[in-house]
C-alpha atoms as a PDB file:
ATOM      1  CA  MET A   1     -28.955  21.384  11.803  1.00  0.00           C
ATOM      2  CA  ALA A   2     -29.244  17.856  10.431  1.00  0.00           C
ATOM      3  CA  ARG A   3     -26.181  18.528   8.331  1.00  0.00           C
ATOM      4  CA  LYS A   4     -24.116  19.397  11.406  1.00  0.00           C
ATOM      5  CA  GLN A   5     -25.123  16.131  13.060  1.00  0.00           C
ATOM      6  CA  THR A   6     -24.037  14.162  10.004  1.00  0.00           C
ATOM      7  CA  ILE A   7     -20.653  15.907   9.978  1.00  0.00           C
ATOM      8  CA  SER A   8     -20.035  15.236  13.669  1.00  0.00           C
ATOM      9  CA  LYS A   9     -21.062  11.616  13.156  1.00  0.00           C
ATOM     10  CA  SER A  10     -18.556  11.138  10.343  1.00  0.00           C
ATOM     11  CA  VAL A  11     -15.854  12.888  12.391  1.00  0.00           C
ATOM     12  CA  LYS A  12     -16.486  10.516  15.285  1.00  0.00           C
ATOM     13  CA  LEU A  13     -16.398   7.581  12.892  1.00  0.00           C
ATOM     14  CA  ASN A  14     -13.103   8.774  11.391  1.00  0.00           C
ATOM     15  CA  LYS A  15     -11.609   9.123  14.868  1.00  0.00           C
ATOM     16  CA  LYS A  16     -12.734   5.604  15.744  1.00  0.00           C
ATOM     17  CA  ILE A  17     -11.290   4.202  12.510  1.00  0.00           C
ATOM     18  CA  LYS A  18      -7.982   5.982  13.150  1.00  0.00           C
ATOM     19  CA  ALA A  19      -7.846   4.668  16.710  1.00  0.00           C
ATOM     20  CA  ASP A  20      -8.596   1.131  15.513  1.00  0.00           C
ATOM     21  CA  ALA A  21      -5.894   1.409  12.852  1.00  0.00           C
ATOM     22  CA  LEU A  22      -3.343   2.628  15.394  1.00  0.00           C
ATOM     23  CA  GLN A  23      -4.236  -0.222  17.719  1.00  0.00           C
ATOM     24  CA  HIS A  24      -3.869  -2.687  14.849  1.00  0.00           C
ATOM     25  CA  ILE A  25      -0.432  -1.308  13.924  1.00  0.00           C
ATOM     26  CA  LYS A  26       0.661  -1.592  17.560  1.00  0.00           C
ATOM     27  CA  THR A  27      -0.401  -5.230  17.801  1.00  0.00           C
ATOM     28  CA  VAL A  28       1.271  -6.102  14.503  1.00  0.00           C
ATOM     29  CA  LYS A  29       4.500  -4.385  15.580  1.00  0.00           C
ATOM     30  CA  HIS A  30       4.384  -6.220  18.892  1.00  0.00           C
ATOM     31  CA  ARG A  31       3.890  -9.539  17.110  1.00  0.00           C
ATOM     32  CA  VAL A  32       6.775  -8.880  14.731  1.00  0.00           C
ATOM     33  CA  MET A  33       9.037  -7.932  17.633  1.00  0.00           C
ATOM     34  CA  SER A  34       8.177 -11.080  19.599  1.00  0.00           C
ATOM     35  CA  THR A  35       8.755 -13.328  16.579  1.00  0.00           C
ATOM     36  CA  MET A  36      12.131 -11.687  15.957  1.00  0.00           C
ATOM     37  CA  ASN A  37      13.059 -12.118  19.618  1.00  0.00           C
ATOM     38  CA  SER A  38      12.130 -15.802  19.603  1.00  0.00           C
ATOM     39  CA  LYS A  39      14.148 -16.338  16.411  1.00  0.00           C
ATOM     40  CA  LYS A  40      17.241 -14.831  18.065  1.00  0.00           C
ATOM     41  CA  GLU A  41      17.159 -17.332  20.920  1.00  0.00           C
END
């Protein structure tokens, strides 16, 4: 029983980490795009 709880906890943590990483990639991409756009002008 305790083992199952630990597994679900780590799964939740992994999901959170993945979501955070995706969010980070999105912000970085957005920043790169905006800098490129400002350089064009």
